[in-house]
Amino acid sequence: MKLITEELKEQFKQWGDQSQIKDPMILAKFFDPCGSATWWISQYDPQTNIAYGYVTGLVCDEWGSVSIEELEAIKRPFGLRIERDLYFTPGSISKVCPGYHKEQSTEDRTIERDTDLQQ
């Protein structure tokens, strides 16, 4: 499945950089159909094919960058792959992500993002 469609690219372009927004708009949701990992995506750079968002269901929930190419390359049992939630309705992270803690500061998100980009 193609995770980033042309329609999504346009939506990401319209929203632009949300790194300083305390409760950013989540425009796409990706999930592992064989596990608990979910990626709540708020930004996307078409030049690098890198998305930025909040991931849950791994070792710890956190904001960070993720390669769309790498997500699309993950192979799960029975031929399954990482999926895009076709029925997802965009909304602010505090409304669409169960268990998200709004008290996480923008500064924490920015520091994590800057660290991710330096690698």
C-alpha atoms as a PDB file:
ATOM      1  CA  MET A   1       0.000   0.000   0.000  1.00  0.00           C
ATOM      2  CA  LYS A   2       1.216   3.466  -0.833  1.00  0.00           C
ATOM      3  CA  LEU A   3       1.310   5.302   2.485  1.00  0.00           C
ATOM      4  CA  ILE A   4       1.549   8.844   1.087  1.00  0.00           C
ATOM      5  CA  THR A   5      -0.975   9.642  -1.642  1.00  0.00           C
ATOM      6  CA  GLU A   6      -1.045  12.751  -3.831  1.00  0.00           C
ATOM      7  CA  GLU A   7      -4.049  13.953  -1.831  1.00  0.00           C
ATOM      8  CA  LEU A   8      -2.100  13.582   1.425  1.00  0.00           C
ATOM      9  CA  LYS A   9       0.891  15.401  -0.064  1.00  0.00           C
ATOM     10  CA  GLU A  10      -1.379  18.345  -0.815  1.00  0.00           C
ATOM     11  CA  GLN A  11      -2.838  18.317   2.709  1.00  0.00           C
ATOM     12  CA  PHE A  12       0.629  18.236   4.275  1.00  0.00           C
ATOM     13  CA  LYS A  13       1.678  21.129   2.025  1.00  0.00           C
ATOM     14  CA  GLN A  14      -1.345  23.173   3.135  1.00  0.00           C
ATOM     15  CA  TRP A  15      -0.631  22.612   6.841  1.00  0.00           C
ATOM     16  CA  GLY A  16       3.123  23.138   6.572  1.00  0.00           C
ATOM     17  CA  ASP A  17       5.430  23.145   9.597  1.00  0.00           C
ATOM     18  CA  GLN A  18       3.536  22.334  12.792  1.00  0.00           C
ATOM     19  CA  SER A  19       6.572  21.849  15.050  1.00  0.00           C
ATOM     20  CA  GLN A  20       5.701  24.855  17.220  1.00  0.00           C
ATOM     21  CA  ILE A  21       2.011  23.956  17.602  1.00  0.00           C
ATOM     22  CA  LYS A  22       1.188  22.429  20.987  1.00  0.00           C
ATOM     23  CA  ASP A  23      -1.700  20.311  19.664  1.00  0.00           C
ATOM     24  CA  PRO A  24      -0.800  19.686  15.980  1.00  0.00           C
ATOM     25  CA  MET A  25      -3.182  18.395  13.340  1.00  0.00           C
ATOM     26  CA  ILE A  26      -2.673  14.723  12.518  1.00  0.00           C
ATOM     27  CA  LEU A  27      -3.313  14.198   8.819  1.00  0.00           C
ATOM     28  CA  ALA A  28      -2.536  10.479   8.433  1.00  0.00           C
ATOM     29  CA  LYS A  29      -2.483   7.358  10.574  1.00  0.00           C
ATOM     30  CA  PHE A  30      -0.334   4.323   9.750  1.00  0.00           C
ATOM     31  CA  PHE A  31      -0.433   1.058  11.696  1.00  0.00           C
ATOM     32  CA  ASP A  32       1.117  -2.376  11.929  1.00  0.00           C
ATOM     33  CA  PRO A  33      -1.681  -4.923  11.315  1.00  0.00           C
ATOM     34  CA  CYS A  34       0.303  -7.580  13.215  1.00  0.00           C
ATOM     35  CA  GLY A  35       1.397  -5.482  16.176  1.00  0.00           C
ATOM     36  CA  SER A  36       0.660  -2.472  18.314  1.00  0.00           C
ATOM     37  CA  ALA A  37       2.702   0.218  16.508  1.00  0.00           C
ATOM     38  CA  THR A  38       0.796   3.244  15.211  1.00  0.00           C
ATOM     39  CA  TRP A  39       2.255   6.337  13.543  1.00  0.00           C
ATOM     40  CA  TRP A  40       0.219   9.568  13.845  1.00  0.00           C
ATOM     41  CA  ILE A  41       1.663  11.802  11.100  1.00  0.00           C
ATOM     42  CA  SER A  42       1.547  15.612  11.273  1.00  0.00           C
ATOM     43  CA  GLN A  43       4.168  16.621   8.689  1.00  0.00           C
ATOM     44  CA  TYR A  44       5.749  15.254   5.533  1.00  0.00           C
ATOM     45  CA  ASP A  45       8.707  16.339   3.406  1.00  0.00           C
ATOM     46  CA  PRO A  46       8.256  15.109  -0.189  1.00  0.00           C
ATOM     47  CA  GLN A  47      11.894  15.841  -1.080  1.00  0.00           C
ATOM     48  CA  THR A  48      13.269  13.424   1.523  1.00  0.00           C
ATOM     49  CA  ASN A  49      10.205  11.159   1.851  1.00  0.00           C
ATOM     50  CA  ILE A  50      10.450  11.659   5.616  1.00  0.00           C
ATOM     51  CA  ALA A  51       7.393  12.156   7.816  1.00  0.00           C
ATOM     52  CA  TYR A  52       7.186  13.587  11.313  1.00  0.00           C
ATOM     53  CA  GLY A  53       4.695  12.586  13.945  1.00  0.00           C
ATOM     54  CA  TYR A  54       3.916  10.686  17.108  1.00  0.00           C
ATOM     55  CA  VAL A  55       4.452   6.933  17.367  1.00  0.00           C
ATOM     56  CA  THR A  56       2.722   4.691  19.885  1.00  0.00           C
ATOM     57  CA  GLY A  57       2.991   1.002  20.668  1.00  0.00           C
ATOM     58  CA  LEU A  58       6.763   0.592  20.426  1.00  0.00           C
ATOM     59  CA  VAL A  59       9.196   0.744  23.371  1.00  0.00           C
ATOM     60  CA  CYS A  60       7.963   4.217  24.300  1.00  0.00           C
ATOM     61  CA  ASP A  61       5.546   6.689  22.783  1.00  0.00           C
ATOM     62  CA  GLU A  62       7.402   9.637  21.258  1.00  0.00           C
ATOM     63  CA  TRP A  63       7.571  12.372  18.635  1.00  0.00           C
ATOM     64  CA  GLY A  64      10.081  11.866  15.851  1.00  0.00           C
ATOM     65  CA  SER A  65      10.883  11.429  12.180  1.00  0.00           C
ATOM     66  CA  VAL A  66      10.190   8.298  10.173  1.00  0.00           C
ATOM     67  CA  SER A  67      11.210   7.258   6.676  1.00  0.00           C
ATOM     68  CA  ILE A  68       8.162   6.456   4.545  1.00  0.00           C
ATOM     69  CA  GLU A  69      10.394   4.310   2.342  1.00  0.00           C
ATOM     70  CA  GLU A  70      11.402   2.215   5.365  1.00  0.00           C
ATOM     71  CA  LEU A  71       7.810   1.863   6.589  1.00  0.00           C
ATOM     72  CA  GLU A  72       6.689   0.701   3.140  1.00  0.00           C
ATOM     73  CA  ALA A  73       9.531  -1.868   3.072  1.00  0.00           C
ATOM     74  CA  ILE A  74       8.510  -3.602   6.327  1.00  0.00           C
ATOM     75  CA  LYS A  75       7.229  -7.114   5.666  1.00  0.00           C
ATOM     76  CA  ARG A  76       4.960  -8.753   8.243  1.00  0.00           C
ATOM     77  CA  PRO A  77       3.564 -12.313   8.407  1.00  0.00           C
ATOM     78  CA  PHE A  78       1.128 -13.499   5.735  1.00  0.00           C
ATOM     79  CA  GLY A  79       2.342 -10.843   3.277  1.00  0.00           C
ATOM     80  CA  LEU A  80       0.981  -7.988   5.363  1.00  0.00           C
ATOM     81  CA  ARG A  81       2.687  -4.576   5.484  1.00  0.00           C
ATOM     82  CA  ILE A  82       2.304  -1.303   7.337  1.00  0.00           C
ATOM     83  CA  GLU A  83      -1.123   0.081   6.420  1.00  0.00           C
ATOM     84  CA  ARG A  84      -2.656   3.529   6.093  1.00  0.00           C
ATOM     85  CA  ASP A  85      -5.942   3.816   7.964  1.00  0.00           C
ATOM     86  CA  LEU A  86      -8.346   4.477   5.094  1.00  0.00           C
ATOM     87  CA  TYR A  87     -11.124   5.506   7.504  1.00  0.00           C
ATOM     88  CA  PHE A  88      -9.047   7.934   9.575  1.00  0.00           C
ATOM     89  CA  THR A  89     -10.446  11.437   9.997  1.00  0.00           C
ATOM     90  CA  PRO A  90      -7.779  14.125  10.552  1.00  0.00           C
ATOM     91  CA  GLY A  91      -7.867  15.959  13.848  1.00  0.00           C
ATOM     92  CA  SER A  92      -5.641  17.382  16.558  1.00  0.00           C
ATOM     93  CA  ILE A  93      -3.364  14.870  18.279  1.00  0.00           C
ATOM     94  CA  SER A  94      -5.233  15.241  21.570  1.00  0.00           C
ATOM     95  CA  LYS A  95      -8.500  14.243  19.875  1.00  0.00           C
ATOM     96  CA  VAL A  96      -7.404  11.405  17.571  1.00  0.00           C
ATOM     97  CA  CYS A  97      -4.712   9.605  19.599  1.00  0.00           C
ATOM     98  CA  PRO A  98      -6.039   7.661  22.586  1.00  0.00           C
ATOM     99  CA  GLY A  99      -3.907   8.204  25.665  1.00  0.00           C
ATOM    100  CA  TYR A 100      -1.937  11.160  24.287  1.00  0.00           C
ATOM    101  CA  HIS A 101      -0.712  13.395  27.080  1.00  0.00           C
ATOM    102  CA  LYS A 102      -1.322  17.019  26.110  1.00  0.00           C
ATOM    103  CA  GLU A 103       0.993  18.236  28.845  1.00  0.00           C
ATOM    104  CA  GLN A 104       4.037  17.236  26.762  1.00  0.00           C
ATOM    105  CA  SER A 105       5.533  20.595  25.902  1.00  0.00           C
ATOM    106  CA  THR A 106       6.304  21.955  22.459  1.00  0.00           C
ATOM    107  CA  GLU A 107       9.918  22.389  23.580  1.00  0.00           C
ATOM    108  CA  ASP A 108      10.224  18.634  24.191  1.00  0.00           C
ATOM    109  CA  ARG A 109       8.891  17.924  20.696  1.00  0.00           C
ATOM    110  CA  THR A 110      11.209  20.454  19.090  1.00  0.00           C
ATOM    111  CA  ILE A 111      14.292  19.073  20.843  1.00  0.00           C
ATOM    112  CA  GLU A 112      13.448  15.522  19.753  1.00  0.00           C
ATOM    113  CA  ARG A 113      12.850  16.684  16.187  1.00  0.00           C
ATOM    114  CA  ASP A 114      16.125  18.645  16.040  1.00  0.00           C
ATOM    115  CA  THR A 115      17.995  15.602  17.350  1.00  0.00           C
ATOM    116  CA  ASP A 116      16.348  13.362  14.741  1.00  0.00           C
ATOM    117  CA  LEU A 117      17.308  15.698  11.903  1.00  0.00           C
ATOM    118  CA  GLN A 118      20.966  15.841  12.945  1.00  0.00           C
ATOM    119  CA  GLN A 119      21.409  12.071  12.581  1.00  0.00           C
END
